[in-house]
Amino acid sequence: QIEGVQYIPMVGKVTVAMLERNLMRLFYNFHHPDRQHEDRHKAELEAPRPAQWYGTPVQIYTALAATAVLGMMLAQTAKK
């Protein structure tokens, strides 16, 4: 016994309602089929993407321009 505390050996309507509410929330959060579909879709969206093989679009432009110039130089030397 704790002084100033009175034990009441009953479960009230509000307690039952809150337990039911918590049970429904647990079901929805962890076992509901729609929720599991949402989680799978979310996981697909958050999946790590492969690393880019280039750093910036400027690098792509520079590589293409250098390749074009090199191609033109090789074509001119092939004609001679």
N, C-alpha and C. Protein backbone atom coordinates (compact mmCIF):
# COMPACT_ATOMS: atom_id res chain seq x y z
N GLN A 1 0.84 -1.19 0.00
CA GLN A 1 0.00 0.00 0.00
C GLN A 1 0.88 1.24 0.00
N ILE A 2 0.47 2.20 -0.82
CA ILE A 2 1.14 3.49 -0.88
C ILE A 2 0.22 4.50 -0.23
N GLU A 3 0.79 5.29 0.64
CA GLU A 3 -0.02 6.27 1.35
C GLU A 3 -0.59 7.31 0.39
N GLY A 4 -1.87 7.58 0.49
CA GLY A 4 -2.53 8.57 -0.34
C GLY A 4 -2.98 8.05 -1.70
N VAL A 5 -2.77 6.75 -1.98
CA VAL A 5 -3.18 6.16 -3.25
C VAL A 5 -4.22 5.09 -2.96
N GLN A 6 -5.31 5.17 -3.70
CA GLN A 6 -6.38 4.19 -3.51
C GLN A 6 -6.45 3.34 -4.78
N TYR A 7 -6.29 2.03 -4.60
CA TYR A 7 -6.33 1.09 -5.73
C TYR A 7 -7.78 0.75 -6.02
N ILE A 8 -8.17 0.85 -7.29
CA ILE A 8 -9.53 0.49 -7.70
C ILE A 8 -9.40 -0.69 -8.66
N PRO A 9 -9.87 -1.89 -8.27
CA PRO A 9 -9.68 -3.10 -9.08
C PRO A 9 -10.67 -3.21 -10.23
N MET A 10 -10.71 -2.21 -11.12
CA MET A 10 -11.63 -2.24 -12.26
C MET A 10 -10.93 -1.65 -13.49
N VAL A 11 -11.45 -2.03 -14.60
CA VAL A 11 -11.00 -1.43 -15.85
C VAL A 11 -12.18 -0.63 -16.39
N GLY A 12 -11.96 0.66 -16.62
CA GLY A 12 -13.05 1.52 -17.05
C GLY A 12 -13.24 1.54 -18.56
N LYS A 13 -14.30 2.21 -18.97
CA LYS A 13 -14.63 2.31 -20.39
C LYS A 13 -13.56 3.05 -21.17
N VAL A 14 -13.01 4.07 -20.56
CA VAL A 14 -11.98 4.85 -21.25
C VAL A 14 -10.72 4.01 -21.45
N THR A 15 -10.36 3.22 -20.46
CA THR A 15 -9.19 2.34 -20.59
C THR A 15 -9.39 1.36 -21.72
N VAL A 16 -10.56 0.75 -21.80
CA VAL A 16 -10.85 -0.20 -22.87
C VAL A 16 -10.82 0.50 -24.23
N ALA A 17 -11.40 1.68 -24.30
CA ALA A 17 -11.40 2.43 -25.56
C ALA A 17 -9.98 2.76 -26.00
N MET A 18 -9.13 3.17 -25.07
CA MET A 18 -7.74 3.51 -25.43
C MET A 18 -6.97 2.27 -25.86
N LEU A 19 -7.20 1.13 -25.20
CA LEU A 19 -6.53 -0.10 -25.60
C LEU A 19 -6.96 -0.52 -27.01
N GLU A 20 -8.25 -0.39 -27.31
CA GLU A 20 -8.73 -0.71 -28.65
C GLU A 20 -8.13 0.23 -29.69
N ARG A 21 -8.06 1.51 -29.35
CA ARG A 21 -7.48 2.50 -30.26
C ARG A 21 -6.02 2.17 -30.54
N ASN A 22 -5.27 1.85 -29.50
CA ASN A 22 -3.86 1.51 -29.67
C ASN A 22 -3.69 0.24 -30.51
N LEU A 23 -4.57 -0.73 -30.31
CA LEU A 23 -4.51 -1.95 -31.09
C LEU A 23 -4.75 -1.67 -32.57
N MET A 24 -5.73 -0.82 -32.86
CA MET A 24 -6.01 -0.46 -34.25
C MET A 24 -4.84 0.30 -34.88
N ARG A 25 -4.23 1.19 -34.11
CA ARG A 25 -3.09 1.94 -34.63
C ARG A 25 -1.90 1.02 -34.89
N LEU A 26 -1.65 0.05 -34.01
CA LEU A 26 -0.56 -0.90 -34.22
C LEU A 26 -0.79 -1.72 -35.48
N PHE A 27 -2.04 -2.17 -35.66
CA PHE A 27 -2.36 -2.94 -36.85
C PHE A 27 -2.10 -2.11 -38.10
N TYR A 28 -2.60 -0.87 -38.10
CA TYR A 28 -2.43 -0.03 -39.28
C TYR A 28 -0.95 0.28 -39.54
N ASN A 29 -0.20 0.57 -38.50
CA ASN A 29 1.20 0.96 -38.67
C ASN A 29 2.11 -0.19 -39.10
N PHE A 30 1.77 -1.43 -38.73
CA PHE A 30 2.72 -2.52 -38.97
C PHE A 30 2.18 -3.67 -39.81
N HIS A 31 0.84 -3.82 -39.93
CA HIS A 31 0.32 -5.01 -40.60
C HIS A 31 -0.73 -4.74 -41.67
N HIS A 32 -1.15 -3.53 -41.83
CA HIS A 32 -2.21 -3.23 -42.81
C HIS A 32 -1.64 -3.39 -44.22
N PRO A 33 -2.36 -4.10 -45.12
CA PRO A 33 -1.84 -4.33 -46.47
C PRO A 33 -1.54 -3.04 -47.24
N ASP A 34 -2.40 -2.03 -47.11
CA ASP A 34 -2.14 -0.77 -47.81
C ASP A 34 -0.87 -0.12 -47.31
N ARG A 35 -0.65 -0.20 -46.02
CA ARG A 35 0.53 0.42 -45.42
C ARG A 35 1.80 -0.30 -45.89
N GLN A 36 1.74 -1.61 -45.99
CA GLN A 36 2.91 -2.37 -46.44
C GLN A 36 3.23 -2.01 -47.89
N HIS A 37 2.19 -1.79 -48.71
CA HIS A 37 2.42 -1.37 -50.09
C HIS A 37 3.09 0.01 -50.12
N GLU A 38 2.62 0.93 -49.25
CA GLU A 38 3.22 2.26 -49.17
C GLU A 38 4.68 2.17 -48.77
N ASP A 39 4.98 1.30 -47.80
CA ASP A 39 6.35 1.15 -47.33
C ASP A 39 7.25 0.62 -48.44
N ARG A 40 6.74 -0.36 -49.22
CA ARG A 40 7.53 -0.88 -50.32
C ARG A 40 7.80 0.19 -51.36
N HIS A 41 6.77 0.97 -51.68
CA HIS A 41 6.91 2.04 -52.67
C HIS A 41 7.90 3.09 -52.17
N LYS A 42 7.80 3.42 -50.90
CA LYS A 42 8.71 4.41 -50.30
C LYS A 42 10.15 3.89 -50.34
N ALA A 43 10.33 2.60 -50.05
CA ALA A 43 11.68 2.01 -50.08
C ALA A 43 12.26 2.05 -51.49
N GLU A 44 11.40 1.84 -52.50
CA GLU A 44 11.88 1.90 -53.87
C GLU A 44 12.34 3.31 -54.23
N LEU A 45 11.61 4.31 -53.74
CA LEU A 45 11.97 5.69 -54.04
C LEU A 45 13.24 6.11 -53.32
N GLU A 46 13.46 5.56 -52.13
CA GLU A 46 14.63 5.95 -51.34
C GLU A 46 15.83 5.04 -51.56
N ALA A 47 15.71 4.10 -52.48
CA ALA A 47 16.81 3.17 -52.74
C ALA A 47 18.03 3.96 -53.22
N PRO A 48 19.21 3.53 -52.82
CA PRO A 48 20.41 4.25 -53.25
C PRO A 48 20.56 4.17 -54.77
N ARG A 49 20.85 5.29 -55.35
CA ARG A 49 21.01 5.35 -56.80
C ARG A 49 22.47 5.12 -57.15
N PRO A 50 22.72 4.54 -58.32
CA PRO A 50 24.12 4.33 -58.70
C PRO A 50 24.84 5.66 -58.86
N ALA A 51 26.10 5.63 -58.57
CA ALA A 51 26.91 6.85 -58.65
C ALA A 51 27.01 7.30 -60.11
N GLN A 52 27.02 8.61 -60.32
CA GLN A 52 27.15 9.15 -61.67
C GLN A 52 28.57 8.93 -62.15
N TRP A 53 28.70 8.66 -63.42
CA TRP A 53 30.04 8.46 -63.97
C TRP A 53 30.69 9.79 -64.33
N TYR A 54 29.98 10.88 -64.14
CA TYR A 54 30.53 12.21 -64.37
C TYR A 54 30.20 13.08 -63.17
N GLY A 55 30.94 14.17 -63.01
CA GLY A 55 30.72 15.04 -61.87
C GLY A 55 29.69 16.12 -62.15
N THR A 56 29.85 16.80 -63.30
CA THR A 56 28.95 17.89 -63.66
C THR A 56 28.67 17.85 -65.16
N PRO A 57 27.62 18.52 -65.62
CA PRO A 57 27.36 18.58 -67.07
C PRO A 57 28.50 19.24 -67.84
N VAL A 58 29.26 20.11 -67.20
CA VAL A 58 30.40 20.76 -67.87
C VAL A 58 31.43 19.70 -68.27
N GLN A 59 31.61 18.70 -67.44
CA GLN A 59 32.56 17.64 -67.77
C GLN A 59 32.10 16.86 -69.01
N ILE A 60 30.81 16.63 -69.13
CA ILE A 60 30.29 15.93 -70.31
C ILE A 60 30.54 16.78 -71.56
N TYR A 61 30.21 18.07 -71.45
CA TYR A 61 30.41 18.98 -72.59
C TYR A 61 31.89 19.01 -73.00
N THR A 62 32.78 19.12 -72.03
CA THR A 62 34.21 19.18 -72.32
C THR A 62 34.67 17.88 -72.99
N ALA A 63 34.21 16.75 -72.50
CA ALA A 63 34.60 15.47 -73.08
C ALA A 63 34.10 15.35 -74.51
N LEU A 64 32.86 15.77 -74.75
CA LEU A 64 32.31 15.70 -76.11
C LEU A 64 33.05 16.65 -77.06
N ALA A 65 33.32 17.85 -76.59
CA ALA A 65 34.03 18.82 -77.43
C ALA A 65 35.44 18.32 -77.74
N ALA A 66 36.13 17.80 -76.76
CA ALA A 66 37.49 17.29 -76.99
C ALA A 66 37.46 16.10 -77.94
N THR A 67 36.47 15.25 -77.82
CA THR A 67 36.35 14.10 -78.71
C THR A 67 36.08 14.55 -80.14
N ALA A 68 35.22 15.57 -80.28
CA ALA A 68 34.93 16.09 -81.63
C ALA A 68 36.17 16.71 -82.26
N VAL A 69 36.91 17.50 -81.50
CA VAL A 69 38.14 18.11 -82.02
C VAL A 69 39.15 17.03 -82.39
N LEU A 70 39.31 16.04 -81.55
CA LEU A 70 40.24 14.95 -81.83
C LEU A 70 39.82 14.19 -83.09
N GLY A 71 38.52 13.96 -83.22
CA GLY A 71 38.00 13.28 -84.41
C GLY A 71 38.28 14.06 -85.67
N MET A 72 38.09 15.39 -85.61
CA MET A 72 38.36 16.24 -86.77
C MET A 72 39.84 16.22 -87.11
N MET A 73 40.70 16.26 -86.09
CA MET A 73 42.16 16.23 -86.33
C MET A 73 42.58 14.90 -86.96
N LEU A 74 42.00 13.81 -86.46
CA LEU A 74 42.34 12.50 -87.04
C LEU A 74 41.85 12.38 -88.46
N ALA A 75 40.68 12.95 -88.75
CA ALA A 75 40.15 12.90 -90.11
C ALA A 75 41.04 13.70 -91.06
N GLN A 76 41.57 14.85 -90.61
CA GLN A 76 42.45 15.66 -91.46
C GLN A 76 43.77 14.95 -91.72
N THR A 77 44.31 14.31 -90.69
CA THR A 77 45.59 13.61 -90.88
C THR A 77 45.41 12.37 -91.75
N ALA A 78 44.23 11.78 -91.73
CA ALA A 78 43.99 10.60 -92.57
C ALA A 78 43.92 10.99 -94.03
N LYS A 79 43.48 12.22 -94.34
CA LYS A 79 43.37 12.69 -95.73
C LYS A 79 44.75 12.94 -96.33
N LYS A 80 45.72 13.31 -95.53
CA LYS A 80 47.04 13.67 -96.03
C LYS A 80 47.88 12.49 -96.37
